[in-house]
N, C-alpha and C. Protein backbone atom coordinates (compact mmCIF):
# COMPACT_ATOMS: atom_id res chain seq x y z
N MET A 1 114.10 32.69 210.47
CA MET A 1 114.44 31.56 211.30
C MET A 1 113.68 31.54 212.79
N ALA A 2 112.62 29.97 212.91
CA ALA A 2 112.03 30.39 214.14
C ALA A 2 113.19 30.43 215.82
N VAL A 3 112.75 30.90 216.75
CA VAL A 3 113.75 30.53 217.76
C VAL A 3 112.70 29.80 218.56
N SER A 4 113.44 28.29 219.60
CA SER A 4 113.26 27.48 219.71
C SER A 4 112.33 28.00 220.66
N LYS A 5 111.58 27.60 222.04
CA LYS A 5 110.96 27.96 222.62
C LYS A 5 112.31 27.47 224.29
N ARG A 6 112.77 26.77 223.98
CA ARG A 6 113.51 26.35 225.22
C ARG A 6 114.95 27.47 224.74
N GLU A 7 115.60 28.25 223.67
CA GLU A 7 116.52 29.37 224.07
C GLU A 7 115.74 30.18 224.63
N GLU A 8 114.27 30.85 224.93
CA GLU A 8 113.98 31.83 226.07
C GLU A 8 114.18 31.41 227.52
N PHE A 9 114.40 30.59 228.16
CA PHE A 9 114.76 30.48 229.43
C PHE A 9 116.30 30.37 229.97
N ASP A 10 116.63 30.56 230.39
CA ASP A 10 117.71 30.72 231.30
C ASP A 10 118.94 29.99 231.24
N GLN A 11 119.84 30.25 230.71
CA GLN A 11 120.90 28.43 230.44
C GLN A 11 121.14 27.83 231.58
N GLU A 12 120.71 28.70 233.13
CA GLU A 12 120.90 28.13 234.31
C GLU A 12 119.82 26.72 234.35
N LEU A 13 118.66 26.98 233.75
CA LEU A 13 117.39 26.43 233.83
C LEU A 13 117.40 25.07 232.93
N VAL A 14 117.98 25.53 231.78
CA VAL A 14 118.40 24.56 230.24
C VAL A 14 119.40 23.38 231.21
N GLN A 15 120.42 24.16 232.02
CA GLN A 15 121.49 22.99 232.13
C GLN A 15 120.98 22.24 233.39
N ILE A 16 119.90 22.74 234.35
CA ILE A 16 119.05 22.17 235.35
C ILE A 16 118.26 20.97 234.29
N ALA A 17 117.50 21.26 233.47
CA ALA A 17 116.57 20.58 232.82
C ALA A 17 117.56 19.44 232.43
N GLU A 18 118.30 19.59 231.16
CA GLU A 18 119.22 18.72 230.70
C GLU A 18 119.54 18.19 231.71
N MET A 19 120.40 17.90 232.99
CA MET A 19 120.64 17.01 234.03
C MET A 19 119.72 16.28 234.24
N GLY A 20 119.10 16.76 234.24
CA GLY A 20 117.33 15.66 235.19
C GLY A 20 117.20 14.78 233.96
N ARG A 21 117.17 15.40 232.68
CA ARG A 21 116.80 14.43 231.47
C ARG A 21 117.60 13.39 231.51
N ALA A 22 119.35 13.51 231.53
CA ALA A 22 119.84 12.56 231.29
C ALA A 22 120.30 11.39 232.43
N ILE A 23 119.95 11.98 234.14
CA ILE A 23 119.67 10.65 234.93
C ILE A 23 118.00 10.78 234.85
N ALA A 24 117.40 10.42 234.07
CA ALA A 24 115.51 10.22 234.61
C ALA A 24 115.82 9.14 234.40
N HIS A 25 116.37 7.72 233.76
CA HIS A 25 116.62 6.89 233.40
C HIS A 25 117.26 5.85 234.24
N PRO A 26 116.34 4.63 234.62
CA PRO A 26 117.58 4.10 235.61
C PRO A 26 118.35 3.36 234.84
N ALA A 27 118.45 3.03 234.11
CA ALA A 27 119.95 3.09 233.35
C ALA A 27 121.20 3.52 233.30
N ARG A 28 120.85 4.43 233.32
CA ARG A 28 122.08 5.88 233.12
C ARG A 28 122.13 6.10 234.27
N VAL A 29 121.60 5.67 235.84
CA VAL A 29 121.86 6.35 236.89
C VAL A 29 122.49 4.99 237.13
N ALA A 30 122.85 3.31 236.95
CA ALA A 30 123.37 2.55 237.07
C ALA A 30 124.13 2.64 236.56
N ILE A 31 124.16 2.98 234.99
CA ILE A 31 125.89 3.61 234.67
C ILE A 31 126.50 4.47 235.37
N LEU A 32 125.77 5.34 236.17
CA LEU A 32 126.90 6.36 236.64
C LEU A 32 127.50 6.06 237.79
N ARG A 33 126.77 4.77 238.60
CA ARG A 33 126.95 4.70 239.94
C ARG A 33 128.41 3.38 239.32
N ALA A 34 127.88 2.54 237.91
CA ALA A 34 128.96 1.71 238.48
C ALA A 34 130.43 2.22 237.76
N ILE A 35 129.85 3.45 237.26
CA ILE A 35 131.05 4.01 236.79
C ILE A 35 132.20 4.65 237.39
N ALA A 36 131.28 5.63 238.59
CA ALA A 36 131.75 5.31 239.75
C ALA A 36 132.63 4.68 240.79
N ALA A 37 131.62 3.40 240.66
CA ALA A 37 132.60 1.96 241.60
C ALA A 37 133.62 1.77 241.03
N LYS A 38 133.98 1.71 239.97
CA LYS A 38 134.90 1.28 238.96
C LYS A 38 135.98 2.54 239.01
N GLN A 39 135.39 3.78 239.03
CA GLN A 39 136.85 4.88 238.75
C GLN A 39 137.24 4.72 237.54
N GLY A 40 136.17 5.06 236.53
CA GLY A 40 136.61 4.10 234.79
C GLY A 40 135.64 3.09 234.74
N CYS A 41 135.46 2.98 233.35
CA CYS A 41 134.67 1.71 233.15
C CYS A 41 134.48 0.89 231.29
N VAL A 42 135.29 0.39 231.50
CA VAL A 42 135.38 -0.26 229.84
C VAL A 42 134.13 -0.79 229.70
N CYS A 43 133.01 -0.13 228.73
CA CYS A 43 131.54 -0.69 227.97
C CYS A 43 131.10 -1.61 228.15
N GLY A 44 132.27 -2.91 228.14
CA GLY A 44 131.64 -3.89 227.96
C GLY A 44 131.76 -4.39 229.40
N GLU A 45 132.09 -4.18 230.15
CA GLU A 45 131.61 -4.24 231.51
C GLU A 45 130.66 -3.37 232.16
N ILE A 46 130.25 -2.28 231.78
CA ILE A 46 129.19 -1.94 231.64
C ILE A 46 128.01 -3.12 231.14
N VAL A 47 127.97 -3.22 230.37
CA VAL A 47 127.38 -4.42 230.06
C VAL A 47 127.17 -5.49 230.79
N ASP A 48 128.53 -6.06 231.17
CA ASP A 48 127.97 -7.44 231.67
C ASP A 48 127.07 -7.11 232.82
N LEU A 49 127.19 -5.50 233.40
CA LEU A 49 126.60 -5.83 234.68
C LEU A 49 125.05 -5.40 234.84
N LEU A 50 124.14 -5.13 233.48
CA LEU A 50 123.44 -4.49 233.47
C LEU A 50 122.06 -5.54 232.71
N PRO A 51 120.66 -5.58 232.74
CA PRO A 51 119.93 -6.10 232.04
C PRO A 51 120.31 -5.74 230.19
N LEU A 52 121.50 -5.18 229.91
CA LEU A 52 120.45 -4.14 228.77
C LEU A 52 121.29 -4.80 227.47
N ALA A 53 121.32 -4.55 226.33
CA ALA A 53 122.28 -5.11 225.07
C ALA A 53 122.90 -4.45 225.37
N GLN A 54 124.28 -3.91 223.84
CA GLN A 54 125.29 -3.44 223.92
C GLN A 54 124.74 -2.17 223.02
N SER A 55 123.84 -2.44 222.56
CA SER A 55 123.89 -1.06 221.73
C SER A 55 122.93 0.01 222.63
N THR A 56 121.75 -0.56 223.82
CA THR A 56 121.35 -0.02 224.42
C THR A 56 121.98 0.44 225.47
N VAL A 57 123.10 0.12 226.08
CA VAL A 57 123.90 1.01 226.98
C VAL A 57 124.75 1.81 226.14
N SER A 58 125.30 1.58 224.65
CA SER A 58 125.47 3.18 223.86
C SER A 58 124.91 3.93 223.92
N GLN A 59 123.84 4.11 224.17
CA GLN A 59 122.47 5.08 223.34
C GLN A 59 122.47 5.58 224.98
N HIS A 60 122.21 4.92 226.02
CA HIS A 60 122.33 5.36 227.36
C HIS A 60 123.41 6.32 228.10
N LEU A 61 125.07 5.63 227.44
CA LEU A 61 126.50 7.02 227.42
C LEU A 61 126.05 7.31 226.60
N LYS A 62 125.70 7.69 224.94
CA LYS A 62 125.99 8.94 224.27
C LYS A 62 125.03 9.93 225.03
N ILE A 63 123.93 9.49 225.72
CA ILE A 63 123.39 10.96 225.98
C ILE A 63 123.93 11.28 227.65
N LEU A 64 124.65 10.32 228.27
CA LEU A 64 125.43 11.01 230.00
C LEU A 64 126.65 11.89 229.18
N LYS A 65 126.87 11.78 227.47
CA LYS A 65 128.24 12.27 227.43
C LYS A 65 127.59 13.59 226.86
N GLU A 66 126.35 13.84 226.18
CA GLU A 66 126.05 15.10 225.29
C GLU A 66 125.80 16.03 226.40
N VAL A 67 125.45 15.64 227.48
CA VAL A 67 125.54 16.66 228.73
C VAL A 67 126.67 16.74 229.23
N GLY A 68 127.36 15.91 229.04
CA GLY A 68 129.05 16.29 229.85
C GLY A 68 129.20 15.45 231.50
N LEU A 69 128.30 14.85 231.31
CA LEU A 69 128.20 14.21 232.98
C LEU A 69 129.47 12.69 232.95
N VAL A 70 129.67 12.21 231.61
CA VAL A 70 130.93 11.12 231.26
C VAL A 70 131.72 11.95 230.18
N LYS A 71 132.89 11.20 230.19
CA LYS A 71 133.60 11.94 229.33
C LYS A 71 134.10 10.09 228.64
N GLY A 72 134.28 9.78 227.48
CA GLY A 72 134.75 8.92 226.64
C GLY A 72 135.79 9.00 226.45
N GLU A 73 136.90 7.92 225.82
CA GLU A 73 137.60 7.50 224.98
C GLU A 73 137.71 6.08 224.58
N VAL A 74 138.23 5.87 223.06
CA VAL A 74 137.79 5.42 222.13
C VAL A 74 139.67 4.98 222.35
N GLU A 75 139.70 3.75 222.85
CA GLU A 75 141.16 2.94 222.63
C GLU A 75 140.79 1.13 222.07
N GLY A 76 141.06 1.68 220.69
CA GLY A 76 140.86 0.72 219.59
C GLY A 76 139.45 0.37 219.70
N PRO A 77 139.27 -1.05 219.58
CA PRO A 77 138.17 -1.66 219.53
C PRO A 77 137.13 -1.88 221.35
N ARG A 78 137.56 -1.15 222.32
CA ARG A 78 137.44 -0.34 223.62
C ARG A 78 137.33 1.10 223.92
N SER A 79 135.87 0.95 224.13
CA SER A 79 135.64 2.65 225.16
C SER A 79 135.79 2.59 226.01
N CYS A 80 136.64 3.48 226.88
CA CYS A 80 136.32 3.82 228.25
C CYS A 80 135.96 5.18 228.87
N TYR A 81 135.17 4.61 229.54
CA TYR A 81 134.13 6.42 230.30
C TYR A 81 134.87 6.11 231.42
N CYS A 82 133.89 7.91 231.94
CA CYS A 82 134.71 7.90 233.01
C CYS A 82 133.71 8.99 233.24
N ILE A 83 133.49 9.39 234.65
CA ILE A 83 132.41 10.94 235.37
C ILE A 83 133.60 11.93 235.10
N ASP A 84 133.07 13.01 234.40
CA ASP A 84 133.48 14.17 234.54
C ASP A 84 132.80 14.51 235.59
N TRP A 85 133.62 14.68 237.29
CA TRP A 85 133.39 15.09 237.91
C TRP A 85 133.34 16.74 238.36
N GLU A 86 134.47 17.51 237.88
CA GLU A 86 133.32 19.52 237.78
C GLU A 86 132.02 19.57 237.16
N ILE A 87 131.93 18.69 235.85
CA ILE A 87 130.73 18.88 235.30
C ILE A 87 129.68 18.44 236.20
N LEU A 88 130.13 17.11 237.03
CA LEU A 88 128.77 16.86 237.81
C LEU A 88 128.81 17.51 239.10
N GLY A 89 129.62 18.11 239.79
CA GLY A 89 129.74 19.42 240.56
C GLY A 89 128.99 20.23 239.93
N LYS A 90 129.11 20.69 239.11
CA LYS A 90 128.17 22.06 238.64
C LYS A 90 127.42 21.84 238.29
N TYR A 91 126.16 20.49 238.11
CA TYR A 91 125.09 21.01 238.57
C TYR A 91 125.01 20.41 239.10
N SER A 92 125.45 19.34 240.26
CA SER A 92 124.59 19.41 241.39
C SER A 92 124.61 20.78 242.60
N ALA A 93 125.49 22.04 242.41
CA ALA A 93 125.18 23.04 242.80
C ALA A 93 124.11 23.16 242.68
N SER A 94 124.15 23.55 241.12
CA SER A 94 123.01 24.48 240.40
C SER A 94 121.84 23.51 240.81
N PHE A 95 121.55 22.49 240.95
CA PHE A 95 120.23 21.58 241.04
C PHE A 95 119.66 21.68 242.63
N LYS A 96 121.47 21.93 243.35
CA LYS A 96 120.65 22.40 245.11
C LYS A 96 120.23 23.42 245.36
N GLN A 97 120.58 24.30 244.07
CA GLN A 97 120.37 26.05 244.99
C GLN A 97 119.18 26.02 243.84
N PHE A 98 118.99 25.07 243.30
CA PHE A 98 116.82 25.27 242.80
C PHE A 98 116.54 24.46 243.57
N LEU A 99 116.69 23.98 244.55
CA LEU A 99 115.98 22.73 245.31
C LEU A 99 115.68 23.87 246.44
N GLU A 100 116.70 24.48 246.67
CA GLU A 100 116.90 25.41 247.93
C GLU A 100 115.97 26.28 247.56
N MET A 101 115.64 27.40 246.62
CA MET A 101 115.04 28.31 246.14
C MET A 101 113.75 28.05 246.32
N LEU A 102 113.17 26.77 245.93
CA LEU A 102 111.30 26.15 245.81
C LEU A 102 110.97 26.58 247.16
N PRO A 103 111.44 26.51 248.69
CA PRO A 103 110.65 26.65 249.57
C PRO A 103 110.04 27.96 249.86
N GLU A 104 111.23 28.99 249.14
CA GLU A 104 111.20 30.72 248.98
C GLU A 104 110.35 31.36 248.87
N HIS A 105 108.79 30.22 247.63
CA HIS A 105 108.10 30.61 246.85
C HIS A 105 106.56 30.43 246.97
N LYS A 106 106.85 29.09 248.56
CA LYS A 106 105.54 29.01 248.61
C LYS A 106 105.03 30.03 249.90
N ILE A 107 103.53 29.95 249.14
CA ILE A 107 102.51 30.57 249.63
C ILE A 107 101.81 30.11 251.61
N SER A 108 101.17 28.87 250.87
CA SER A 108 100.60 28.30 252.11
C SER A 108 100.29 26.62 251.88
N GLU A 109 100.21 26.08 252.50
CA GLU A 109 100.30 24.62 252.37
C GLU A 109 98.91 24.34 252.02
N CYS A 110 98.13 24.26 250.91
CA CYS A 110 96.87 24.35 250.58
C CYS A 110 97.03 23.32 249.18
N CYS A 111 98.65 23.12 248.89
CA CYS A 111 98.30 21.77 248.03
C CYS A 111 99.40 21.34 248.20
C-alpha cells in the first residue's frame, strides 16, 4: 500500500493546512461569522444570510465539520450548528505559533 505524501509531514503541519483549507473560502468564513454571531445557528438561517443555495451551504458546513471547527446536531428536519471553540482555539494557537516562527528563519530582505 502506497503511503500518501501528506502522511510524511508532522501532524501539526497537517492540522494547520487543514484549517487553512477549511477557511480558505469566503462562504465558509461567512458561515463561521454567522454561527458565532448567533451563538448557534439553524442551517436555514445560514442560507437566508448568504447568496448560496441550501446544497452549497451544506457542502461548506460539511468541510467545516470535517476539520472540527463546527459541530452540528440534526433535530428532525432541522440541523443546528455551533462553533467548537476548543478546536478553534487549538487551531488558532498552532497557526499563531507557525506565523510567529517564520521571521526567525528570515535571512535577508532581498525578496
